[in-house]
């Protein structure tokens, strides 16, 4: 374990004598340093794989588990998978807040149908060619 950690620190240039990038904070300097080491090479892309097991309790008391899986690939000359799955939805939510539309709060502990009359929702879909945005 320690050898793996040491290898990673060396590979990322964390133990080198290179000059530390100038930044306002230590974290910002680390981010600048890692940006040079971890940027995509020409033609590379990222990928996100996510799996969630969701527990469902039916009104009858029966318990059920369902699996939800997601695989998203970044585009070598376009948006990364991270931008599609985090940045883009965050930007949509920010736009909704700025436009005065009601968003679900993090404290919501149940599923609210998208046809609820007192809420505005935006959905992001991917038709394998481009992202689409729909107001429901």
C-alpha atoms as a PDB file:
ATOM      1  CA  UNK A   1       0.000   0.000   0.000  1.00  0.00           C
ATOM      2  CA  UNK A   2       2.738   2.479   0.953  1.00  0.00           C
ATOM      3  CA  UNK A   3       4.721   1.557  -2.166  1.00  0.00           C
ATOM      4  CA  UNK A   4       1.673   2.196  -4.359  1.00  0.00           C
ATOM      5  CA  UNK A   5       1.100   5.564  -2.717  1.00  0.00           C
ATOM      6  CA  UNK A   6       4.763   6.527  -3.116  1.00  0.00           C
ATOM      7  CA  UNK A   7       4.648   5.444  -6.772  1.00  0.00           C
ATOM      8  CA  UNK A   8       1.577   7.649  -7.376  1.00  0.00           C
ATOM      9  CA  UNK A   9       3.160  10.675  -5.686  1.00  0.00           C
ATOM     10  CA  UNK A  10       6.312  10.238  -7.783  1.00  0.00           C
ATOM     11  CA  UNK A  11       4.368   9.717 -11.006  1.00  0.00           C
ATOM     12  CA  UNK A  12       2.344  12.878 -10.388  1.00  0.00           C
ATOM     13  CA  UNK A  13       5.521  14.873  -9.736  1.00  0.00           C
ATOM     14  CA  UNK A  14       4.597  15.549  -6.123  1.00  0.00           C
ATOM     15  CA  UNK A  15       8.104  14.710  -4.859  1.00  0.00           C
ATOM     16  CA  UNK A  16      10.076  16.394  -7.636  1.00  0.00           C
ATOM     17  CA  UNK A  17      12.199  19.526  -7.406  1.00  0.00           C
ATOM     18  CA  UNK A  18      10.007  21.291 -10.009  1.00  0.00           C
ATOM     19  CA  UNK A  19       8.835  24.805  -9.206  1.00  0.00           C
ATOM     20  CA  UNK A  20       5.377  24.926  -7.644  1.00  0.00           C
ATOM     21  CA  UNK A  21       2.851  26.816  -9.797  1.00  0.00           C
ATOM     22  CA  UNK A  22       1.917  30.220  -8.364  1.00  0.00           C
ATOM     23  CA  UNK A  23      -1.647  30.401  -7.022  1.00  0.00           C
ATOM     24  CA  UNK A  24      -3.615  32.110  -4.277  1.00  0.00           C
ATOM     25  CA  UNK A  25      -3.996  28.953  -2.182  1.00  0.00           C
ATOM     26  CA  UNK A  26      -2.190  25.663  -1.720  1.00  0.00           C
ATOM     27  CA  UNK A  27      -5.184  23.818  -3.152  1.00  0.00           C
ATOM     28  CA  UNK A  28      -5.211  26.048  -6.245  1.00  0.00           C
ATOM     29  CA  UNK A  29      -1.464  25.431  -6.733  1.00  0.00           C
ATOM     30  CA  UNK A  30      -2.049  21.668  -6.453  1.00  0.00           C
ATOM     31  CA  UNK A  31      -4.886  21.902  -8.990  1.00  0.00           C
ATOM     32  CA  UNK A  32      -2.649  23.811 -11.440  1.00  0.00           C
ATOM     33  CA  UNK A  33       0.124  21.242 -10.991  1.00  0.00           C
ATOM     34  CA  UNK A  34      -2.192  18.270 -11.485  1.00  0.00           C
ATOM     35  CA  UNK A  35      -3.778  19.910 -14.521  1.00  0.00           C
ATOM     36  CA  UNK A  36      -0.447  19.668 -16.341  1.00  0.00           C
ATOM     37  CA  UNK A  37      -0.006  16.021 -15.333  1.00  0.00           C
ATOM     38  CA  UNK A  38      -3.555  14.748 -15.831  1.00  0.00           C
ATOM     39  CA  UNK A  39      -4.802  16.551 -18.952  1.00  0.00           C
ATOM     40  CA  UNK A  40      -6.150  14.411 -21.769  1.00  0.00           C
ATOM     41  CA  UNK A  41      -3.754  13.617 -24.587  1.00  0.00           C
ATOM     42  CA  UNK A  42      -4.891  14.081 -28.199  1.00  0.00           C
ATOM     43  CA  UNK A  43      -7.837  11.747 -28.884  1.00  0.00           C
ATOM     44  CA  UNK A  44      -8.293  10.631 -25.266  1.00  0.00           C
ATOM     45  CA  UNK A  45     -11.646  10.801 -23.530  1.00  0.00           C
ATOM     46  CA  UNK A  46     -13.066  10.041 -20.117  1.00  0.00           C
ATOM     47  CA  UNK A  47     -15.734   7.579 -19.105  1.00  0.00           C
ATOM     48  CA  UNK A  48     -18.090   7.353 -16.145  1.00  0.00           C
ATOM     49  CA  UNK A  49     -19.504   4.079 -14.906  1.00  0.00           C
ATOM     50  CA  UNK A  50     -22.055   4.264 -12.120  1.00  0.00           C
ATOM     51  CA  UNK A  51     -24.246   1.629 -10.511  1.00  0.00           C
ATOM     52  CA  UNK A  52     -26.869   2.273  -7.857  1.00  0.00           C
ATOM     53  CA  UNK A  53     -28.934  -0.278  -6.006  1.00  0.00           C
ATOM     54  CA  UNK A  54     -32.212   1.303  -4.983  1.00  0.00           C
ATOM     55  CA  UNK A  55     -34.355  -0.147  -2.209  1.00  0.00           C
ATOM     56  CA  UNK A  56     -38.101   0.098  -2.700  1.00  0.00           C
ATOM     57  CA  UNK A  57     -40.728  -0.476  -0.027  1.00  0.00           C
ATOM     58  CA  UNK A  58     -44.117  -1.082  -1.639  1.00  0.00           C
ATOM     59  CA  UNK A  59     -47.369  -0.063   0.088  1.00  0.00           C
ATOM     60  CA  UNK A  60     -47.887  -3.763   0.830  1.00  0.00           C
ATOM     61  CA  UNK A  61     -44.649  -3.759   2.848  1.00  0.00           C
ATOM     62  CA  UNK A  62     -42.817  -5.860   0.255  1.00  0.00           C
ATOM     63  CA  UNK A  63     -39.144  -4.891  -0.217  1.00  0.00           C
ATOM     64  CA  UNK A  64     -37.566  -4.813  -3.655  1.00  0.00           C
ATOM     65  CA  UNK A  65     -34.116  -3.846  -4.900  1.00  0.00           C
ATOM     66  CA  UNK A  66     -33.595  -2.446  -8.384  1.00  0.00           C
ATOM     67  CA  UNK A  67     -30.318  -1.713 -10.106  1.00  0.00           C
ATOM     68  CA  UNK A  68     -29.746   1.493 -12.030  1.00  0.00           C
ATOM     69  CA  UNK A  69     -26.651   1.640 -14.231  1.00  0.00           C
ATOM     70  CA  UNK A  70     -25.118   4.487 -16.178  1.00  0.00           C
ATOM     71  CA  UNK A  71     -22.227   4.515 -18.643  1.00  0.00           C
ATOM     72  CA  UNK A  72     -21.267   7.838 -20.250  1.00  0.00           C
ATOM     73  CA  UNK A  73     -18.363   8.425 -22.617  1.00  0.00           C
ATOM     74  CA  UNK A  74     -16.711  11.784 -23.137  1.00  0.00           C
ATOM     75  CA  UNK A  75     -16.093  13.062 -26.638  1.00  0.00           C
ATOM     76  CA  UNK A  76     -12.472  13.559 -27.731  1.00  0.00           C
ATOM     77  CA  UNK A  77     -13.320  16.924 -29.314  1.00  0.00           C
ATOM     78  CA  UNK A  78     -16.388  17.841 -27.255  1.00  0.00           C
ATOM     79  CA  UNK A  79     -17.763  17.641 -23.740  1.00  0.00           C
ATOM     80  CA  UNK A  80     -16.184  15.248 -21.262  1.00  0.00           C
ATOM     81  CA  UNK A  81     -18.341  12.648 -19.506  1.00  0.00           C
ATOM     82  CA  UNK A  82     -17.818  14.624 -16.300  1.00  0.00           C
ATOM     83  CA  UNK A  83     -19.104  17.819 -17.951  1.00  0.00           C
ATOM     84  CA  UNK A  84     -22.155  15.986 -19.321  1.00  0.00           C
ATOM     85  CA  UNK A  85     -23.106  14.352 -16.036  1.00  0.00           C
ATOM     86  CA  UNK A  86     -22.112  17.031 -13.509  1.00  0.00           C
ATOM     87  CA  UNK A  87     -21.375  20.388 -15.106  1.00  0.00           C
ATOM     88  CA  UNK A  88     -24.265  20.480 -17.569  1.00  0.00           C
ATOM     89  CA  UNK A  89     -26.989  19.511 -15.031  1.00  0.00           C
ATOM     90  CA  UNK A  90     -25.491  21.944 -12.481  1.00  0.00           C
ATOM     91  CA  UNK A  91     -25.668  24.719 -15.088  1.00  0.00           C
ATOM     92  CA  UNK A  92     -29.308  23.853 -15.819  1.00  0.00           C
ATOM     93  CA  UNK A  93     -30.148  23.938 -12.093  1.00  0.00           C
ATOM     94  CA  UNK A  94     -28.352  27.296 -11.728  1.00  0.00           C
ATOM     95  CA  UNK A  95     -30.309  28.702 -14.688  1.00  0.00           C
ATOM     96  CA  UNK A  96     -33.571  27.444 -13.119  1.00  0.00           C
ATOM     97  CA  UNK A  97     -32.733  29.176  -9.827  1.00  0.00           C
ATOM     98  CA  UNK A  98     -31.831  32.410 -11.625  1.00  0.00           C
ATOM     99  CA  UNK A  99     -35.083  32.214 -13.594  1.00  0.00           C
ATOM    100  CA  UNK A 100     -37.028  31.803 -10.339  1.00  0.00           C
ATOM    101  CA  UNK A 101     -38.138  28.245 -11.047  1.00  0.00           C
ATOM    102  CA  UNK A 102     -38.577  25.879  -8.138  1.00  0.00           C
ATOM    103  CA  UNK A 103     -36.041  23.062  -7.827  1.00  0.00           C
ATOM    104  CA  UNK A 104     -36.061  19.974  -5.659  1.00  0.00           C
ATOM    105  CA  UNK A 105     -34.113  20.449  -2.459  1.00  0.00           C
ATOM    106  CA  UNK A 106     -31.457  18.030  -1.289  1.00  0.00           C
ATOM    107  CA  UNK A 107     -33.607  17.250   1.735  1.00  0.00           C
ATOM    108  CA  UNK A 108     -36.327  15.683  -0.426  1.00  0.00           C
ATOM    109  CA  UNK A 109     -36.649  12.068   0.748  1.00  0.00           C
ATOM    110  CA  UNK A 110     -39.184  10.821  -1.732  1.00  0.00           C
ATOM    111  CA  UNK A 111     -39.694  10.861  -5.456  1.00  0.00           C
ATOM    112  CA  UNK A 112     -41.805  13.692  -6.798  1.00  0.00           C
ATOM    113  CA  UNK A 113     -43.387  13.061 -10.145  1.00  0.00           C
ATOM    114  CA  UNK A 114     -42.332  15.372 -12.946  1.00  0.00           C
ATOM    115  CA  UNK A 115     -45.999  16.128 -13.617  1.00  0.00           C
ATOM    116  CA  UNK A 116     -46.422  17.779 -10.208  1.00  0.00           C
ATOM    117  CA  UNK A 117     -48.317  21.000 -11.037  1.00  0.00           C
ATOM    118  CA  UNK A 118     -46.362  23.207  -8.623  1.00  0.00           C
ATOM    119  CA  UNK A 119     -42.890  22.509 -10.013  1.00  0.00           C
ATOM    120  CA  UNK A 120     -40.926  23.206 -13.189  1.00  0.00           C
ATOM    121  CA  UNK A 121     -38.511  20.539 -14.325  1.00  0.00           C
ATOM    122  CA  UNK A 122     -35.895  20.296 -17.015  1.00  0.00           C
ATOM    123  CA  UNK A 123     -34.696  16.941 -18.282  1.00  0.00           C
ATOM    124  CA  UNK A 124     -31.446  16.282 -20.086  1.00  0.00           C
ATOM    125  CA  UNK A 125     -31.333  13.435 -22.546  1.00  0.00           C
ATOM    126  CA  UNK A 126     -28.709  12.070 -24.885  1.00  0.00           C
ATOM    127  CA  UNK A 127     -29.721  10.735 -28.272  1.00  0.00           C
ATOM    128  CA  UNK A 128     -26.143   9.554 -29.023  1.00  0.00           C
ATOM    129  CA  UNK A 129     -25.519  12.668 -31.131  1.00  0.00           C
ATOM    130  CA  UNK A 130     -26.173  15.633 -28.881  1.00  0.00           C
ATOM    131  CA  UNK A 131     -27.686  16.675 -25.592  1.00  0.00           C
ATOM    132  CA  UNK A 132     -31.261  17.854 -25.688  1.00  0.00           C
ATOM    133  CA  UNK A 133     -33.104  19.944 -23.136  1.00  0.00           C
ATOM    134  CA  UNK A 134     -36.851  19.773 -22.629  1.00  0.00           C
ATOM    135  CA  UNK A 135     -39.159  21.685 -20.356  1.00  0.00           C
ATOM    136  CA  UNK A 136     -41.712  19.306 -18.916  1.00  0.00           C
END
